[in-house]
Amino acid sequence: MDIKVLGAGCANCHTLEDRTKAVLADTGVDASVEMITDYGVIAGYGVMNTPALVIDEQVVVSGRVPDADEIAAILTEHTG
């Protein structure tokens, strides 16, 4: 699973990245997490509000930081 956090590097972006990594560690899901701060790349995903969470090239959350339970549910949905 390939996970990207899109954002300018603000506190919310880092919170989303840290929270996602924590959920991955808790659930044992094998995934890579990458922070993307390049505005051109972010725009390429159609994201207008950051932070955004992208899983396997699909934007699943944009403009907010979901709580850990929501991230876990999203990951479960994408792992089958």
PDB file of N, CA and C in Angstrom:
ATOM      1  N   MET A   1       0.854  -1.171   0.000  1.00  0.00           N
ATOM      2  CA  MET A   1       0.000   0.000   0.000  1.00  0.00           C
ATOM      3  C   MET A   1       0.898   1.232   0.000  1.00  0.00           C
ATOM      4  N   ASP A   2       0.539   2.178  -0.839  1.00  0.00           N
ATOM      5  CA  ASP A   2       1.299   3.417  -0.967  1.00  0.00           C
ATOM      6  C   ASP A   2       0.442   4.569  -0.442  1.00  0.00           C
ATOM      7  N   ILE A   3       0.926   5.245   0.590  1.00  0.00           N
ATOM      8  CA  ILE A   3       0.175   6.329   1.221  1.00  0.00           C
ATOM      9  C   ILE A   3       0.954   7.621   1.079  1.00  0.00           C
ATOM     10  N   LYS A   4       0.246   8.672   0.709  1.00  0.00           N
ATOM     11  CA  LYS A   4       0.856   9.995   0.615  1.00  0.00           C
ATOM     12  C   LYS A   4       0.052  10.974   1.449  1.00  0.00           C
ATOM     13  N   VAL A   5       0.754  11.861   2.129  1.00  0.00           N
ATOM     14  CA  VAL A   5       0.137  12.984   2.822  1.00  0.00           C
ATOM     15  C   VAL A   5       0.508  14.217   2.011  1.00  0.00           C
ATOM     16  N   LEU A   6      -0.499  14.924   1.532  1.00  0.00           N
ATOM     17  CA  LEU A   6      -0.277  16.107   0.713  1.00  0.00           C
ATOM     18  C   LEU A   6      -0.472  17.352   1.566  1.00  0.00           C
ATOM     19  N   GLY A   7       0.461  18.293   1.476  1.00  0.00           N
ATOM     20  CA  GLY A   7       0.316  19.533   2.217  1.00  0.00           C
ATOM     21  C   GLY A   7       1.570  20.371   2.167  1.00  0.00           C
ATOM     22  N   ALA A   8       1.456  21.548   2.693  1.00  0.00           N
ATOM     23  CA  ALA A   8       2.546  22.524   2.653  1.00  0.00           C
ATOM     24  C   ALA A   8       3.587  22.305   3.740  1.00  0.00           C
ATOM     25  N   GLY A   9       3.371  21.334   4.592  1.00  0.00           N
ATOM     26  CA  GLY A   9       4.301  21.101   5.692  1.00  0.00           C
ATOM     27  C   GLY A   9       3.861  21.773   6.982  1.00  0.00           C
ATOM     28  N   CYS A  10       2.600  22.148   7.053  1.00  0.00           N
ATOM     29  CA  CYS A  10       2.053  22.819   8.236  1.00  0.00           C
ATOM     30  C   CYS A  10       1.864  21.814   9.375  1.00  0.00           C
ATOM     31  N   ALA A  11       1.475  22.309  10.516  1.00  0.00           N
ATOM     32  CA  ALA A  11       1.265  21.454  11.685  1.00  0.00           C
ATOM     33  C   ALA A  11       0.209  20.384  11.419  1.00  0.00           C
ATOM     34  N   ASN A  12      -0.881  20.739  10.754  1.00  0.00           N
ATOM     35  CA  ASN A  12      -1.923  19.759  10.451  1.00  0.00           C
ATOM     36  C   ASN A  12      -1.409  18.669   9.527  1.00  0.00           C
ATOM     37  N   CYS A  13      -0.564  19.031   8.582  1.00  0.00           N
ATOM     38  CA  CYS A  13       0.014  18.049   7.660  1.00  0.00           C
ATOM     39  C   CYS A  13       0.861  17.047   8.430  1.00  0.00           C
ATOM     40  N   HIS A  14       1.671  17.539   9.332  1.00  0.00           N
ATOM     41  CA  HIS A  14       2.520  16.653  10.132  1.00  0.00           C
ATOM     42  C   HIS A  14       1.692  15.813  11.101  1.00  0.00           C
ATOM     43  N   THR A  15       0.608  16.389  11.619  1.00  0.00           N
ATOM     44  CA  THR A  15      -0.283  15.623  12.492  1.00  0.00           C
ATOM     45  C   THR A  15      -0.898  14.469  11.723  1.00  0.00           C
ATOM     46  N   LEU A  16      -1.352  14.718  10.493  1.00  0.00           N
ATOM     47  CA  LEU A  16      -1.934  13.659   9.674  1.00  0.00           C
ATOM     48  C   LEU A  16      -0.895  12.582   9.371  1.00  0.00           C
ATOM     49  N   GLU A  17       0.320  12.986   9.047  1.00  0.00           N
ATOM     50  CA  GLU A  17       1.380  12.022   8.766  1.00  0.00           C
ATOM     51  C   GLU A  17       1.676  11.173  10.006  1.00  0.00           C
ATOM     52  N   ASP A  18       1.849  11.818  11.150  1.00  0.00           N
ATOM     53  CA  ASP A  18       2.158  11.101  12.388  1.00  0.00           C
ATOM     54  C   ASP A  18       1.023  10.170  12.795  1.00  0.00           C
ATOM     55  N   ARG A  19      -0.199  10.647  12.685  1.00  0.00           N
ATOM     56  CA  ARG A  19      -1.365   9.849  13.064  1.00  0.00           C
ATOM     57  C   ARG A  19      -1.489   8.634  12.145  1.00  0.00           C
ATOM     58  N   THR A  20      -1.255   8.831  10.865  1.00  0.00           N
ATOM     59  CA  THR A  20      -1.337   7.728   9.911  1.00  0.00           C
ATOM     60  C   THR A  20      -0.272   6.677  10.216  1.00  0.00           C
ATOM     61  N   LYS A  21       0.941   7.113  10.496  1.00  0.00           N
ATOM     62  CA  LYS A  21       2.015   6.183  10.837  1.00  0.00           C
ATOM     63  C   LYS A  21       1.697   5.421  12.124  1.00  0.00           C
ATOM     64  N   ALA A  22       1.099   6.096  13.090  1.00  0.00           N
ATOM     65  CA  ALA A  22       0.735   5.440  14.351  1.00  0.00           C
ATOM     66  C   ALA A  22      -0.329   4.372  14.119  1.00  0.00           C
ATOM     67  N   VAL A  23      -1.317   4.685  13.301  1.00  0.00           N
ATOM     68  CA  VAL A  23      -2.371   3.708  12.996  1.00  0.00           C
ATOM     69  C   VAL A  23      -1.777   2.509  12.257  1.00  0.00           C
ATOM     70  N   LEU A  24      -0.882   2.765  11.328  1.00  0.00           N
ATOM     71  CA  LEU A  24      -0.228   1.669  10.614  1.00  0.00           C
ATOM     72  C   LEU A  24       0.530   0.769  11.589  1.00  0.00           C
ATOM     73  N   ALA A  25       1.236   1.364  12.522  1.00  0.00           N
ATOM     74  CA  ALA A  25       1.983   0.588  13.514  1.00  0.00           C
ATOM     75  C   ALA A  25       1.038  -0.226  14.398  1.00  0.00           C
ATOM     76  N   ASP A  26      -0.080   0.384  14.790  1.00  0.00           N
ATOM     77  CA  ASP A  26      -1.044  -0.302  15.659  1.00  0.00           C
ATOM     78  C   ASP A  26      -1.750  -1.453  14.953  1.00  0.00           C
ATOM     79  N   THR A  27      -2.017  -1.286  13.662  1.00  0.00           N
ATOM     80  CA  THR A  27      -2.784  -2.293  12.916  1.00  0.00           C
ATOM     81  C   THR A  27      -1.897  -3.314  12.223  1.00  0.00           C
ATOM     82  N   GLY A  28      -0.611  -3.015  12.097  1.00  0.00           N
ATOM     83  CA  GLY A  28       0.290  -3.930  11.426  1.00  0.00           C
ATOM     84  C   GLY A  28       0.173  -3.923   9.913  1.00  0.00           C
ATOM     85  N   VAL A  29      -0.513  -2.934   9.369  1.00  0.00           N
ATOM     86  CA  VAL A  29      -0.650  -2.823   7.912  1.00  0.00           C
ATOM     87  C   VAL A  29       0.695  -2.398   7.334  1.00  0.00           C
ATOM     88  N   ASP A  30       1.113  -3.087   6.281  1.00  0.00           N
ATOM     89  CA  ASP A  30       2.381  -2.783   5.632  1.00  0.00           C
ATOM     90  C   ASP A  30       2.159  -1.712   4.568  1.00  0.00           C
ATOM     91  N   ALA A  31       2.726  -0.556   4.789  1.00  0.00           N
ATOM     92  CA  ALA A  31       2.556   0.551   3.855  1.00  0.00           C
ATOM     93  C   ALA A  31       3.703   1.530   3.995  1.00  0.00           C
ATOM     94  N   SER A  32       3.951   2.252   2.915  1.00  0.00           N
ATOM     95  CA  SER A  32       4.921   3.337   2.973  1.00  0.00           C
ATOM     96  C   SER A  32       4.145   4.640   3.065  1.00  0.00           C
ATOM     97  N   VAL A  33       4.693   5.598   3.800  1.00  0.00           N
ATOM     98  CA  VAL A  33       4.057   6.907   3.946  1.00  0.00           C
ATOM     99  C   VAL A  33       5.044   7.958   3.467  1.00  0.00           C
ATOM    100  N   GLU A  34       4.571   8.799   2.561  1.00  0.00           N
ATOM    101  CA  GLU A  34       5.411   9.846   1.984  1.00  0.00           C
ATOM    102  C   GLU A  34       4.707  11.193   2.116  1.00  0.00           C
ATOM    103  N   MET A  35       5.451  12.202   2.548  1.00  0.00           N
ATOM    104  CA  MET A  35       4.922  13.568   2.624  1.00  0.00           C
ATOM    105  C   MET A  35       5.240  14.267   1.303  1.00  0.00           C
ATOM    106  N   ILE A  36       4.211  14.818   0.672  1.00  0.00           N
ATOM    107  CA  ILE A  36       4.363  15.546  -0.588  1.00  0.00           C
ATOM    108  C   ILE A  36       4.054  17.018  -0.328  1.00  0.00           C
ATOM    109  N   THR A  37       5.026  17.886  -0.584  1.00  0.00           N
ATOM    110  CA  THR A  37       4.827  19.319  -0.353  1.00  0.00           C
ATOM    111  C   THR A  37       4.865  20.128  -1.649  1.00  0.00           C
ATOM    112  N   ASP A  38       5.120  19.473  -2.768  1.00  0.00           N
ATOM    113  CA  ASP A  38       5.194  20.158  -4.060  1.00  0.00           C
ATOM    114  C   ASP A  38       3.785  20.530  -4.528  1.00  0.00           C
ATOM    115  N   TYR A  39       3.534  21.838  -4.665  1.00  0.00           N
ATOM    116  CA  TYR A  39       2.192  22.302  -5.019  1.00  0.00           C
ATOM    117  C   TYR A  39       1.722  21.775  -6.366  1.00  0.00           C
ATOM    118  N   GLY A  40       2.646  21.602  -7.318  1.00  0.00           N
ATOM    119  CA  GLY A  40       2.279  21.059  -8.619  1.00  0.00           C
ATOM    120  C   GLY A  40       1.770  19.636  -8.516  1.00  0.00           C
ATOM    121  N   VAL A  41       2.435  18.844  -7.696  1.00  0.00           N
ATOM    122  CA  VAL A  41       2.010  17.457  -7.491  1.00  0.00           C
ATOM    123  C   VAL A  41       0.675  17.423  -6.763  1.00  0.00           C
ATOM    124  N   ILE A  42       0.528  18.260  -5.745  1.00  0.00           N
ATOM    125  CA  ILE A  42      -0.729  18.319  -4.982  1.00  0.00           C
ATOM    126  C   ILE A  42      -1.880  18.691  -5.909  1.00  0.00           C
ATOM    127  N   ALA A  43      -1.678  19.701  -6.738  1.00  0.00           N
ATOM    128  CA  ALA A  43      -2.716  20.120  -7.684  1.00  0.00           C
ATOM    129  C   ALA A  43      -3.054  19.006  -8.667  1.00  0.00           C
ATOM    130  N   GLY A  44      -2.061  18.201  -9.013  1.00  0.00           N
ATOM    131  CA  GLY A  44      -2.289  17.076  -9.919  1.00  0.00           C
ATOM    132  C   GLY A  44      -3.277  16.056  -9.374  1.00  0.00           C
ATOM    133  N   TYR A  45      -3.422  16.013  -8.070  1.00  0.00           N
ATOM    134  CA  TYR A  45      -4.412  15.133  -7.445  1.00  0.00           C
ATOM    135  C   TYR A  45      -5.790  15.807  -7.361  1.00  0.00           C
ATOM    136  N   GLY A  46      -5.874  17.070  -7.768  1.00  0.00           N
ATOM    137  CA  GLY A  46      -7.139  17.797  -7.685  1.00  0.00           C
ATOM    138  C   GLY A  46      -7.450  18.301  -6.293  1.00  0.00           C
ATOM    139  N   VAL A  47      -6.455  18.329  -5.427  1.00  0.00           N
ATOM    140  CA  VAL A  47      -6.652  18.749  -4.044  1.00  0.00           C
ATOM    141  C   VAL A  47      -6.535  20.261  -3.946  1.00  0.00           C
ATOM    142  N   MET A  48      -7.567  20.884  -3.403  1.00  0.00           N
ATOM    143  CA  MET A  48      -7.565  22.324  -3.215  1.00  0.00           C
ATOM    144  C   MET A  48      -7.354  22.703  -1.751  1.00  0.00           C
ATOM    145  N   ASN A  49      -7.681  21.788  -0.846  1.00  0.00           N
ATOM    146  CA  ASN A  49      -7.537  22.038   0.590  1.00  0.00           C
ATOM    147  C   ASN A  49      -6.663  20.948   1.199  1.00  0.00           C
ATOM    148  N   THR A  50      -5.621  21.378   1.897  1.00  0.00           N
ATOM    149  CA  THR A  50      -4.742  20.425   2.555  1.00  0.00           C
ATOM    150  C   THR A  50      -4.939  20.499   4.059  1.00  0.00           C
ATOM    151  N   PRO A  51      -4.545  19.486   4.787  1.00  0.00           N
ATOM    152  CA  PRO A  51      -3.857  18.305   4.321  1.00  0.00           C
ATOM    153  C   PRO A  51      -4.809  17.344   3.610  1.00  0.00           C
ATOM    154  N   ALA A  52      -4.213  16.442   2.848  1.00  0.00           N
ATOM    155  CA  ALA A  52      -4.987  15.411   2.161  1.00  0.00           C
ATOM    156  C   ALA A  52      -4.271  14.082   2.335  1.00  0.00           C
ATOM    157  N   LEU A  53      -5.057  13.029   2.339  1.00  0.00           N
ATOM    158  CA  LEU A  53      -4.532  11.678   2.477  1.00  0.00           C
ATOM    159  C   LEU A  53      -4.849  10.928   1.189  1.00  0.00           C
ATOM    160  N   VAL A  54      -3.817  10.345   0.592  1.00  0.00           N
ATOM    161  CA  VAL A  54      -3.955   9.613  -0.662  1.00  0.00           C
ATOM    162  C   VAL A  54      -3.508   8.179  -0.408  1.00  0.00           C
ATOM    163  N   ILE A  55      -4.361   7.228  -0.771  1.00  0.00           N
ATOM    164  CA  ILE A  55      -4.023   5.821  -0.633  1.00  0.00           C
ATOM    165  C   ILE A  55      -4.081   5.185  -2.006  1.00  0.00           C
ATOM    166  N   ASP A  56      -2.977   4.605  -2.418  1.00  0.00           N
ATOM    167  CA  ASP A  56      -2.869   3.963  -3.727  1.00  0.00           C
ATOM    168  C   ASP A  56      -3.419   4.867  -4.828  1.00  0.00           C
ATOM    169  N   GLU A  57      -2.965   6.115  -4.797  1.00  0.00           N
ATOM    170  CA  GLU A  57      -3.275   7.137  -5.810  1.00  0.00           C
ATOM    171  C   GLU A  57      -4.732   7.618  -5.794  1.00  0.00           C
ATOM    172  N   GLN A  58      -5.482   7.314  -4.742  1.00  0.00           N
ATOM    173  CA  GLN A  58      -6.858   7.786  -4.597  1.00  0.00           C
ATOM    174  C   GLN A  58      -6.943   8.721  -3.393  1.00  0.00           C
ATOM    175  N   VAL A  59      -7.448   9.945  -3.613  1.00  0.00           N
ATOM    176  CA  VAL A  59      -7.629  10.895  -2.516  1.00  0.00           C
ATOM    177  C   VAL A  59      -8.794  10.403  -1.664  1.00  0.00           C
ATOM    178  N   VAL A  60      -8.528  10.157  -0.377  1.00  0.00           N
ATOM    179  CA  VAL A  60      -9.570   9.639   0.512  1.00  0.00           C
ATOM    180  C   VAL A  60     -10.023  10.665   1.547  1.00  0.00           C
ATOM    181  N   VAL A  61      -9.188  11.649   1.836  1.00  0.00           N
ATOM    182  CA  VAL A  61      -9.539  12.719   2.771  1.00  0.00           C
ATOM    183  C   VAL A  61      -8.843  13.985   2.293  1.00  0.00           C
ATOM    184  N   SER A  62      -9.568  15.108   2.375  1.00  0.00           N
ATOM    185  CA  SER A  62      -8.971  16.380   1.973  1.00  0.00           C
ATOM    186  C   SER A  62      -9.509  17.502   2.847  1.00  0.00           C
ATOM    187  N   GLY A  63      -8.606  18.393   3.258  1.00  0.00           N
ATOM    188  CA  GLY A  63      -9.003  19.588   3.981  1.00  0.00           C
ATOM    189  C   GLY A  63      -9.203  19.439   5.470  1.00  0.00           C
ATOM    190  N   ARG A  64      -8.841  18.272   6.020  1.00  0.00           N
ATOM    191  CA  ARG A  64      -9.006  18.070   7.460  1.00  0.00           C
ATOM    192  C   ARG A  64      -8.110  16.937   7.920  1.00  0.00           C
ATOM    193  N   VAL A  65      -7.995  16.815   9.240  1.00  0.00           N
ATOM    194  CA  VAL A  65      -7.214  15.735   9.834  1.00  0.00           C
ATOM    195  C   VAL A  65      -8.191  14.769  10.505  1.00  0.00           C
ATOM    196  N   PRO A  66      -8.384  13.586   9.915  1.00  0.00           N
ATOM    197  CA  PRO A  66      -9.287  12.618  10.541  1.00  0.00           C
ATOM    198  C   PRO A  66      -8.678  12.056  11.820  1.00  0.00           C
ATOM    199  N   ASP A  67      -9.546  11.575  12.707  1.00  0.00           N
ATOM    200  CA  ASP A  67      -9.027  10.960  13.926  1.00  0.00           C
ATOM    201  C   ASP A  67      -8.488   9.558  13.606  1.00  0.00           C
ATOM    202  N   ALA A  68      -7.837   8.960  14.567  1.00  0.00           N
ATOM    203  CA  ALA A  68      -7.191   7.664  14.353  1.00  0.00           C
ATOM    204  C   ALA A  68      -8.193   6.586  13.957  1.00  0.00           C
ATOM    205  N   ASP A  69      -9.381   6.596  14.552  1.00  0.00           N
ATOM    206  CA  ASP A  69     -10.394   5.587  14.222  1.00  0.00           C
ATOM    207  C   ASP A  69     -10.822   5.688  12.766  1.00  0.00           C
ATOM    208  N   GLU A  70     -10.972   6.907  12.263  1.00  0.00           N
ATOM    209  CA  GLU A  70     -11.364   7.084  10.868  1.00  0.00           C
ATOM    210  C   GLU A  70     -10.246   6.626   9.935  1.00  0.00           C
ATOM    211  N   ILE A  71      -9.011   6.947  10.280  1.00  0.00           N
ATOM    212  CA  ILE A  71      -7.885   6.498   9.457  1.00  0.00           C
ATOM    213  C   ILE A  71      -7.841   4.974   9.431  1.00  0.00           C
ATOM    214  N   ALA A  72      -8.031   4.345  10.577  1.00  0.00           N
ATOM    215  CA  ALA A  72      -8.033   2.881  10.640  1.00  0.00           C
ATOM    216  C   ALA A  72      -9.131   2.297   9.768  1.00  0.00           C
ATOM    217  N   ALA A  73     -10.321   2.906   9.793  1.00  0.00           N
ATOM    218  CA  ALA A  73     -11.433   2.435   8.968  1.00  0.00           C
ATOM    219  C   ALA A  73     -11.122   2.577   7.483  1.00  0.00           C
ATOM    220  N   ILE A  74     -10.504   3.685   7.125  1.00  0.00           N
ATOM    221  CA  ILE A  74     -10.134   3.915   5.724  1.00  0.00           C
ATOM    222  C   ILE A  74      -9.103   2.871   5.282  1.00  0.00           C
ATOM    223  N   LEU A  75      -8.115   2.606   6.119  1.00  0.00           N
ATOM    224  CA  LEU A  75      -7.095   1.622   5.789  1.00  0.00           C
ATOM    225  C   LEU A  75      -7.709   0.241   5.643  1.00  0.00           C
ATOM    226  N   THR A  76      -8.620  -0.116   6.540  1.00  0.00           N
ATOM    227  CA  THR A  76      -9.297  -1.404   6.481  1.00  0.00           C
ATOM    228  C   THR A  76     -10.067  -1.538   5.170  1.00  0.00           C
ATOM    229  N   GLU A  77     -10.722  -0.469   4.775  1.00  0.00           N
ATOM    230  CA  GLU A  77     -11.486  -0.464   3.532  1.00  0.00           C
ATOM    231  C   GLU A  77     -10.577  -0.716   2.327  1.00  0.00           C
ATOM    232  N   HIS A  78      -9.360  -0.186   2.385  1.00  0.00           N
ATOM    233  CA  HIS A  78      -8.447  -0.325   1.255  1.00  0.00           C
ATOM    234  C   HIS A  78      -7.614  -1.603   1.282  1.00  0.00           C
ATOM    235  N   THR A  79      -7.602  -2.298   2.405  1.00  0.00           N
ATOM    236  CA  THR A  79      -6.843  -3.545   2.464  1.00  0.00           C
ATOM    237  C   THR A  79      -7.742  -4.754   2.254  1.00  0.00           C
ATOM    238  N   GLY A  80      -9.045  -4.515   2.221  1.00  0.00           N
ATOM    239  CA  GLY A  80      -9.970  -5.623   1.962  1.00  0.00           C
ATOM    240  C   GLY A  80     -10.362  -6.260   3.199  1.00  0.00           C
TER     241      GLY A  80
END
